[in-house]
Structure formats: structure tokens, C-alpha cells
Amino acid sequence: MAVNWTAEFLLSVWGLRQGKALRDPCRVSTGGVAGPDDEWQAMRYVETTPGFDRYRPVLAWVYVQCKPAKSFRVRGPGETLPRALLSNGWAHLLGRSEADMGQILHDEFLHVLRHRLIDCPFIPFRPAVVEDEEKFAKTA
């Protein structure tokens, strides 16, 4: 079955992998290192998108904790709004409503990811399968 790897689907898969809901069955046999399955590759594709680290907090809020983007707060307890925006690289949001900032940040990253998918579509790597005719003949 072919999967339509849209930006929203990639982010959902990223959230599931971060939240440990999608665990690789080979994880135990590989010493705790996830194998190169489709979901792992999707997670890496999202994480290598330019600007990902800047948007990680809001993406984790939405896709790992499953909370609405509108409820995301950009500042911590006792932190001023300008300081929080400047320290996280979100200075372009100064003057915007604090209630809308989470949604704005989410939409900005979604826009970047959609453009990356246009420039460089996500196609999971699958190693070529070469069947050995002798081995196949022995099992038949």
C-alpha cells in the first residue's frame, strides 16, 4: 500500500516516534538503536528540515503531547514575553497576540515543510531485494 507522505502526515509520524508510540521491533536486537524503517526515516526528514530546532517546542506540544497549537505558551513562569521571544529566535512575533503565537509558529513550520516536500519529496529508502535462485529452489 502506498502512503501519501504529506507534511501533516510526516509531522504526525514524527510526534508518534518522539512519544514512543511507534517503536521499532528491531530496537532490542540492535542494542537500542532504531532501524531505518519508514517512520524513522520520516522522523529524520522532519528533523533535518531547515529551522526545525527553532520550532521544536511548539511541534512537541502539538504532535507529542497532542495539545492544540493555540494553547502553546511561548514563555515560562516569570519570564517576560520579549525575553522569551528573543531567546527562542521568535522576535518576529513581537507585537502579535500571545494567544495566537503557538498557531503562528506551527503554521510557519508547516509552510517550510510543505515547500521542502515540493523541492525534495520524501521517498523512504528500501534496499533492493535480490533473491538467490538456489536458496529459493531449496525451500520449494
N, C-alpha and C. Protein backbone atom coordinates (compact mmCIF):
# COMPACT_ATOMS: atom_id res chain seq x y z
N MET A 1 0.84 -1.18 0.00
CA MET A 1 0.00 0.00 0.00
C MET A 1 0.89 1.25 0.00
N ALA A 2 0.61 2.15 -0.91
CA ALA A 2 1.38 3.38 -1.00
C ALA A 2 0.88 4.39 0.04
N VAL A 3 1.82 5.10 0.64
CA VAL A 3 1.49 6.09 1.65
C VAL A 3 1.67 7.47 1.02
N ASN A 4 0.72 8.36 1.25
CA ASN A 4 0.82 9.73 0.80
C ASN A 4 1.53 10.53 1.89
N TRP A 5 2.80 10.81 1.70
CA TRP A 5 3.62 11.48 2.71
C TRP A 5 3.41 12.99 2.63
N THR A 6 2.33 13.48 3.19
CA THR A 6 2.07 14.92 3.25
C THR A 6 2.81 15.51 4.44
N ALA A 7 2.88 16.82 4.51
CA ALA A 7 3.55 17.49 5.63
C ALA A 7 2.87 17.15 6.94
N GLU A 8 1.53 17.14 6.95
CA GLU A 8 0.79 16.83 8.17
C GLU A 8 1.05 15.39 8.62
N PHE A 9 1.10 14.46 7.66
CA PHE A 9 1.35 13.06 7.99
C PHE A 9 2.76 12.88 8.53
N LEU A 10 3.73 13.54 7.90
CA LEU A 10 5.12 13.46 8.38
C LEU A 10 5.23 13.97 9.82
N LEU A 11 4.56 15.09 10.12
CA LEU A 11 4.61 15.62 11.48
C LEU A 11 3.91 14.69 12.47
N SER A 12 2.83 14.05 12.06
CA SER A 12 2.15 13.09 12.94
C SER A 12 3.06 11.91 13.24
N VAL A 13 3.73 11.41 12.21
CA VAL A 13 4.66 10.29 12.41
C VAL A 13 5.80 10.73 13.32
N TRP A 14 6.33 11.94 13.11
CA TRP A 14 7.40 12.46 13.98
C TRP A 14 6.93 12.48 15.43
N GLY A 15 5.72 12.97 15.67
CA GLY A 15 5.19 13.03 17.04
C GLY A 15 5.03 11.66 17.66
N LEU A 16 4.57 10.70 16.87
CA LEU A 16 4.42 9.35 17.40
C LEU A 16 5.77 8.72 17.73
N ARG A 17 6.77 8.96 16.90
CA ARG A 17 8.11 8.43 17.19
C ARG A 17 8.71 9.11 18.42
N GLN A 18 8.51 10.41 18.56
CA GLN A 18 9.03 11.12 19.72
C GLN A 18 8.33 10.68 21.00
N GLY A 19 7.04 10.41 20.90
CA GLY A 19 6.25 9.99 22.05
C GLY A 19 6.36 8.51 22.34
N LYS A 20 7.19 7.80 21.61
CA LYS A 20 7.45 6.37 21.79
C LYS A 20 6.26 5.50 21.44
N ALA A 21 5.26 6.03 20.71
CA ALA A 21 4.12 5.21 20.32
C ALA A 21 4.49 4.29 19.16
N LEU A 22 5.41 4.72 18.32
CA LEU A 22 5.90 3.85 17.23
C LEU A 22 7.28 3.36 17.63
N ARG A 23 7.35 2.16 18.06
CA ARG A 23 8.64 1.59 18.45
C ARG A 23 9.08 0.58 17.41
N ASP A 24 10.32 0.59 17.11
CA ASP A 24 10.86 -0.33 16.12
C ASP A 24 11.01 -1.71 16.75
N PRO A 25 10.46 -2.76 16.15
CA PRO A 25 10.61 -4.10 16.72
C PRO A 25 12.06 -4.58 16.76
N CYS A 26 12.92 -3.97 15.93
CA CYS A 26 14.33 -4.35 15.93
C CYS A 26 15.13 -3.62 16.99
N ARG A 27 14.49 -2.73 17.74
CA ARG A 27 15.21 -1.91 18.71
C ARG A 27 15.98 -2.77 19.72
N VAL A 28 15.39 -3.85 20.20
CA VAL A 28 16.06 -4.69 21.19
C VAL A 28 17.26 -5.39 20.56
N SER A 29 17.08 -5.93 19.36
CA SER A 29 18.16 -6.68 18.73
C SER A 29 19.28 -5.78 18.22
N THR A 30 19.03 -4.49 18.06
CA THR A 30 20.08 -3.59 17.58
C THR A 30 20.70 -2.78 18.70
N GLY A 31 20.48 -3.18 19.93
CA GLY A 31 21.10 -2.50 21.06
C GLY A 31 20.50 -1.14 21.35
N GLY A 32 19.22 -0.97 21.10
CA GLY A 32 18.56 0.29 21.42
C GLY A 32 18.61 1.31 20.32
N VAL A 33 19.12 0.95 19.17
CA VAL A 33 19.19 1.87 18.03
C VAL A 33 18.07 1.51 17.06
N ALA A 34 17.24 2.48 16.73
CA ALA A 34 16.13 2.23 15.81
C ALA A 34 16.65 1.89 14.43
N GLY A 35 15.97 1.01 13.76
CA GLY A 35 16.34 0.63 12.40
C GLY A 35 15.82 1.64 11.39
N PRO A 36 16.29 1.53 10.17
CA PRO A 36 15.90 2.51 9.14
C PRO A 36 14.54 2.19 8.51
N ASP A 37 13.50 2.09 9.33
CA ASP A 37 12.18 1.85 8.78
C ASP A 37 11.58 3.16 8.26
N ASP A 38 10.43 3.08 7.64
CA ASP A 38 9.83 4.27 7.03
C ASP A 38 9.57 5.37 8.04
N GLU A 39 9.06 5.00 9.23
CA GLU A 39 8.75 6.01 10.23
C GLU A 39 10.00 6.69 10.76
N TRP A 40 11.06 5.93 10.94
CA TRP A 40 12.32 6.52 11.39
C TRP A 40 12.86 7.50 10.34
N GLN A 41 12.77 7.10 9.08
CA GLN A 41 13.22 7.97 8.00
C GLN A 41 12.37 9.24 7.94
N ALA A 42 11.07 9.11 8.17
CA ALA A 42 10.18 10.28 8.18
C ALA A 42 10.56 11.22 9.32
N MET A 43 10.85 10.64 10.48
CA MET A 43 11.25 11.44 11.64
C MET A 43 12.53 12.22 11.32
N ARG A 44 13.50 11.57 10.71
CA ARG A 44 14.76 12.23 10.36
C ARG A 44 14.54 13.31 9.30
N TYR A 45 13.62 13.06 8.37
CA TYR A 45 13.32 14.05 7.33
C TYR A 45 12.77 15.33 7.96
N VAL A 46 11.86 15.17 8.91
CA VAL A 46 11.28 16.33 9.60
C VAL A 46 12.37 17.05 10.38
N GLU A 47 13.20 16.31 11.10
CA GLU A 47 14.23 16.92 11.95
C GLU A 47 15.35 17.60 11.16
N THR A 48 15.52 17.23 9.90
CA THR A 48 16.56 17.87 9.08
C THR A 48 16.00 19.00 8.23
N THR A 49 14.74 19.33 8.44
CA THR A 49 14.14 20.46 7.75
C THR A 49 14.74 21.75 8.32
N PRO A 50 15.14 22.69 7.46
CA PRO A 50 15.74 23.94 7.97
C PRO A 50 14.83 24.65 8.97
N GLY A 51 15.41 25.03 10.10
CA GLY A 51 14.68 25.75 11.14
C GLY A 51 13.95 24.86 12.13
N PHE A 52 14.10 23.54 12.01
CA PHE A 52 13.36 22.62 12.87
C PHE A 52 13.60 22.89 14.36
N ASP A 53 14.85 23.09 14.75
CA ASP A 53 15.17 23.27 16.17
C ASP A 53 14.46 24.49 16.77
N ARG A 54 14.28 25.50 15.96
CA ARG A 54 13.59 26.71 16.42
C ARG A 54 12.11 26.43 16.71
N TYR A 55 11.52 25.50 15.97
CA TYR A 55 10.10 25.20 16.11
C TYR A 55 9.81 23.96 16.96
N ARG A 56 10.85 23.26 17.39
CA ARG A 56 10.66 22.01 18.13
C ARG A 56 9.71 22.12 19.32
N PRO A 57 9.80 23.18 20.16
CA PRO A 57 8.91 23.24 21.32
C PRO A 57 7.42 23.23 20.95
N VAL A 58 7.04 23.99 19.95
CA VAL A 58 5.62 24.03 19.57
C VAL A 58 5.22 22.74 18.86
N LEU A 59 6.12 22.14 18.09
CA LEU A 59 5.81 20.88 17.42
C LEU A 59 5.63 19.75 18.43
N ALA A 60 6.47 19.74 19.46
CA ALA A 60 6.33 18.73 20.51
C ALA A 60 5.01 18.94 21.26
N TRP A 61 4.64 20.17 21.48
CA TRP A 61 3.38 20.49 22.17
C TRP A 61 2.19 19.91 21.38
N VAL A 62 2.22 20.10 20.06
CA VAL A 62 1.09 19.70 19.22
C VAL A 62 1.11 18.21 18.90
N TYR A 63 2.28 17.67 18.50
CA TYR A 63 2.32 16.31 17.95
C TYR A 63 2.75 15.24 18.95
N VAL A 64 3.44 15.60 20.01
CA VAL A 64 3.82 14.61 21.03
C VAL A 64 2.82 14.64 22.18
N GLN A 65 2.50 15.84 22.67
CA GLN A 65 1.57 15.95 23.79
C GLN A 65 0.12 16.04 23.35
N CYS A 66 -0.11 16.15 22.03
CA CYS A 66 -1.47 16.18 21.44
C CYS A 66 -2.34 17.30 22.00
N LYS A 67 -1.75 18.48 22.11
CA LYS A 67 -2.48 19.65 22.59
C LYS A 67 -2.63 20.64 21.44
N PRO A 68 -3.68 21.45 21.46
CA PRO A 68 -3.86 22.41 20.36
C PRO A 68 -2.77 23.48 20.34
N ALA A 69 -2.38 23.89 19.14
CA ALA A 69 -1.33 24.91 19.00
C ALA A 69 -1.71 26.22 19.67
N LYS A 70 -2.98 26.54 19.68
CA LYS A 70 -3.43 27.80 20.30
C LYS A 70 -3.13 27.83 21.80
N SER A 71 -3.02 26.66 22.44
CA SER A 71 -2.78 26.63 23.89
C SER A 71 -1.29 26.68 24.25
N PHE A 72 -0.42 26.70 23.25
CA PHE A 72 1.03 26.75 23.49
C PHE A 72 1.41 28.14 24.02
N ARG A 73 2.21 28.17 25.06
CA ARG A 73 2.69 29.43 25.64
C ARG A 73 4.18 29.55 25.38
N VAL A 74 4.58 30.69 24.85
CA VAL A 74 5.96 30.88 24.44
C VAL A 74 6.89 31.21 25.60
N ARG A 75 6.35 31.60 26.73
CA ARG A 75 7.22 31.98 27.85
C ARG A 75 6.99 31.08 29.05
N GLY A 76 8.05 30.94 29.82
CA GLY A 76 7.97 30.15 31.03
C GLY A 76 7.55 31.01 32.21
N PRO A 77 7.38 30.40 33.38
CA PRO A 77 6.98 31.16 34.57
C PRO A 77 7.99 32.25 34.91
N GLY A 78 7.51 33.48 35.11
CA GLY A 78 8.36 34.59 35.48
C GLY A 78 9.16 35.20 34.35
N GLU A 79 9.03 34.69 33.16
CA GLU A 79 9.79 35.18 32.02
C GLU A 79 8.97 36.24 31.28
N THR A 80 9.61 37.30 30.88
CA THR A 80 8.88 38.32 30.13
C THR A 80 8.71 37.86 28.69
N LEU A 81 7.68 38.34 28.05
CA LEU A 81 7.40 37.94 26.67
C LEU A 81 8.52 38.33 25.71
N PRO A 82 9.01 39.58 25.75
CA PRO A 82 10.12 39.92 24.83
C PRO A 82 11.35 39.05 25.03
N ARG A 83 11.69 38.76 26.29
CA ARG A 83 12.86 37.91 26.56
C ARG A 83 12.66 36.51 26.00
N ALA A 84 11.47 35.94 26.19
CA ALA A 84 11.18 34.60 25.69
C ALA A 84 11.26 34.56 24.16
N LEU A 85 10.70 35.56 23.52
CA LEU A 85 10.71 35.60 22.06
C LEU A 85 12.12 35.75 21.52
N LEU A 86 12.91 36.61 22.14
CA LEU A 86 14.28 36.82 21.68
C LEU A 86 15.16 35.60 21.92
N SER A 87 15.01 34.96 23.07
CA SER A 87 15.86 33.80 23.38
C SER A 87 15.53 32.58 22.54
N ASN A 88 14.31 32.49 22.03
CA ASN A 88 13.92 31.34 21.21
C ASN A 88 14.01 31.62 19.71
N GLY A 89 14.41 32.83 19.34
CA GLY A 89 14.52 33.16 17.93
C GLY A 89 13.19 33.50 17.29
N TRP A 90 12.25 33.95 18.09
CA TRP A 90 10.91 34.27 17.59
C TRP A 90 10.63 35.77 17.66
N ALA A 91 11.65 36.59 17.50
CA ALA A 91 11.49 38.04 17.64
C ALA A 91 10.50 38.62 16.63
N HIS A 92 10.31 37.93 15.52
CA HIS A 92 9.37 38.43 14.52
C HIS A 92 7.92 38.41 15.02
N LEU A 93 7.67 37.78 16.16
CA LEU A 93 6.32 37.73 16.73
C LEU A 93 6.04 38.87 17.71
N LEU A 94 7.04 39.70 17.98
CA LEU A 94 6.82 40.84 18.87
C LEU A 94 5.69 41.70 18.31
N GLY A 95 4.76 42.07 19.17
CA GLY A 95 3.62 42.87 18.76
C GLY A 95 2.40 42.06 18.37
N ARG A 96 2.56 40.72 18.24
CA ARG A 96 1.43 39.85 17.93
C ARG A 96 0.76 39.43 19.22
N SER A 97 -0.47 38.95 19.13
CA SER A 97 -1.21 38.46 20.29
C SER A 97 -0.54 37.18 20.81
N GLU A 98 -0.30 37.14 22.10
CA GLU A 98 0.35 35.96 22.69
C GLU A 98 -0.50 34.70 22.50
N ALA A 99 -1.80 34.86 22.47
CA ALA A 99 -2.69 33.71 22.30
C ALA A 99 -2.56 33.07 20.92
N ASP A 100 -2.11 33.84 19.92
CA ASP A 100 -2.00 33.32 18.55
C ASP A 100 -0.60 32.83 18.20
N MET A 101 0.36 33.05 19.07
CA MET A 101 1.75 32.75 18.73
C MET A 101 2.01 31.27 18.46
N GLY A 102 1.42 30.40 19.24
CA GLY A 102 1.62 28.97 19.03
C GLY A 102 1.13 28.54 17.66
N GLN A 103 -0.03 29.02 17.27
CA GLN A 103 -0.58 28.67 15.95
C GLN A 103 0.26 29.27 14.83
N ILE A 104 0.75 30.48 15.03
CA ILE A 104 1.59 31.12 14.02
C ILE A 104 2.87 30.32 13.81
N LEU A 105 3.52 29.92 14.91
CA LEU A 105 4.75 29.14 14.81
C LEU A 105 4.51 27.80 14.13
N HIS A 106 3.42 27.14 14.50
CA HIS A 106 3.07 25.86 13.89
C HIS A 106 2.88 26.03 12.39
N ASP A 107 2.13 27.03 11.99
CA ASP A 107 1.85 27.26 10.58
C ASP A 107 3.10 27.63 9.79
N GLU A 108 4.03 28.37 10.42
CA GLU A 108 5.28 28.72 9.76
C GLU A 108 6.08 27.46 9.43
N PHE A 109 6.21 26.55 10.40
CA PHE A 109 6.98 25.34 10.13
C PHE A 109 6.27 24.46 9.10
N LEU A 110 4.96 24.37 9.16
CA LEU A 110 4.20 23.59 8.19
C LEU A 110 4.45 24.13 6.77
N HIS A 111 4.51 25.43 6.65
CA HIS A 111 4.79 26.07 5.36
C HIS A 111 6.19 25.68 4.86
N VAL A 112 7.17 25.74 5.74
CA VAL A 112 8.55 25.37 5.37
C VAL A 112 8.61 23.90 4.97
N LEU A 113 7.95 23.03 5.71
CA LEU A 113 7.96 21.60 5.41
C LEU A 113 7.26 21.31 4.08
N ARG A 114 6.16 21.98 3.81
CA ARG A 114 5.47 21.78 2.53
C ARG A 114 6.35 22.18 1.36
N HIS A 115 7.06 23.29 1.50
CA HIS A 115 7.96 23.72 0.42
C HIS A 115 9.13 22.75 0.26
N ARG A 116 9.60 22.20 1.36
CA ARG A 116 10.68 21.22 1.25
C ARG A 116 10.19 19.96 0.53
N LEU A 117 8.96 19.56 0.79
CA LEU A 117 8.40 18.39 0.11
C LEU A 117 8.26 18.63 -1.40
N ILE A 118 8.01 19.87 -1.78
CA ILE A 118 7.93 20.19 -3.21
C ILE A 118 9.31 20.12 -3.84
N ASP A 119 10.31 20.68 -3.15
CA ASP A 119 11.68 20.70 -3.68
C ASP A 119 12.35 19.34 -3.62
N CYS A 120 12.10 18.61 -2.55
CA CYS A 120 12.75 17.32 -2.31
C CYS A 120 11.73 16.37 -1.69
N PRO A 121 10.94 15.68 -2.49
CA PRO A 121 9.89 14.80 -1.94
C PRO A 121 10.48 13.72 -1.03
N PHE A 122 9.70 13.36 -0.02
CA PHE A 122 10.14 12.29 0.89
C PHE A 122 9.78 10.95 0.27
N ILE A 123 10.80 10.16 0.00
CA ILE A 123 10.61 8.80 -0.52
C ILE A 123 11.44 7.89 0.37
N PRO A 124 10.79 7.03 1.15
CA PRO A 124 11.55 6.14 2.04
C PRO A 124 12.49 5.23 1.25
N PHE A 125 13.68 5.08 1.77
CA PHE A 125 14.67 4.20 1.15
C PHE A 125 14.34 2.76 1.50
N ARG A 126 14.36 1.93 0.50
CA ARG A 126 14.19 0.49 0.71
C ARG A 126 15.31 -0.21 -0.05
N PRO A 127 16.08 -1.05 0.65
CA PRO A 127 17.15 -1.75 -0.05
C PRO A 127 16.58 -2.70 -1.10
N ALA A 128 17.31 -2.85 -2.19
CA ALA A 128 16.88 -3.76 -3.25
C ALA A 128 16.93 -5.19 -2.74
N VAL A 129 15.93 -5.97 -3.09
CA VAL A 129 15.87 -7.36 -2.68
C VAL A 129 16.35 -8.21 -3.84
N VAL A 130 17.44 -8.93 -3.59
CA VAL A 130 17.98 -9.83 -4.61
C VAL A 130 17.74 -11.24 -4.12
N GLU A 131 16.91 -11.94 -4.85
CA GLU A 131 16.59 -13.30 -4.44
C GLU A 131 17.61 -14.27 -5.02
N ASP A 132 18.06 -15.13 -4.18
CA ASP A 132 19.00 -16.15 -4.59
C ASP A 132 18.20 -17.33 -5.13
N GLU A 133 18.37 -17.65 -6.42
CA GLU A 133 17.56 -18.70 -7.04
C GLU A 133 17.82 -20.07 -6.42
N GLU A 134 19.06 -20.34 -6.05
CA GLU A 134 19.37 -21.64 -5.43
C GLU A 134 18.69 -21.77 -4.06
N LYS A 135 18.74 -20.72 -3.28
CA LYS A 135 18.10 -20.75 -1.96
C LYS A 135 16.60 -20.91 -2.10
N PHE A 136 16.03 -20.24 -3.07
CA PHE A 136 14.59 -20.35 -3.33
C PHE A 136 14.23 -21.76 -3.77
N ALA A 137 15.07 -22.35 -4.60
CA ALA A 137 14.81 -23.70 -5.11
C ALA A 137 14.88 -24.73 -3.97
N LYS A 138 15.77 -24.56 -3.01
CA LYS A 138 15.91 -25.50 -1.88
C LYS A 138 14.70 -25.46 -0.97
N THR A 139 14.08 -24.29 -0.80
CA THR A 139 12.94 -24.19 0.10
C THR A 139 11.65 -24.66 -0.57
N ALA A 140 11.63 -24.78 -1.89
CA ALA A 140 10.40 -25.17 -2.59
C ALA A 140 10.19 -26.66 -2.58
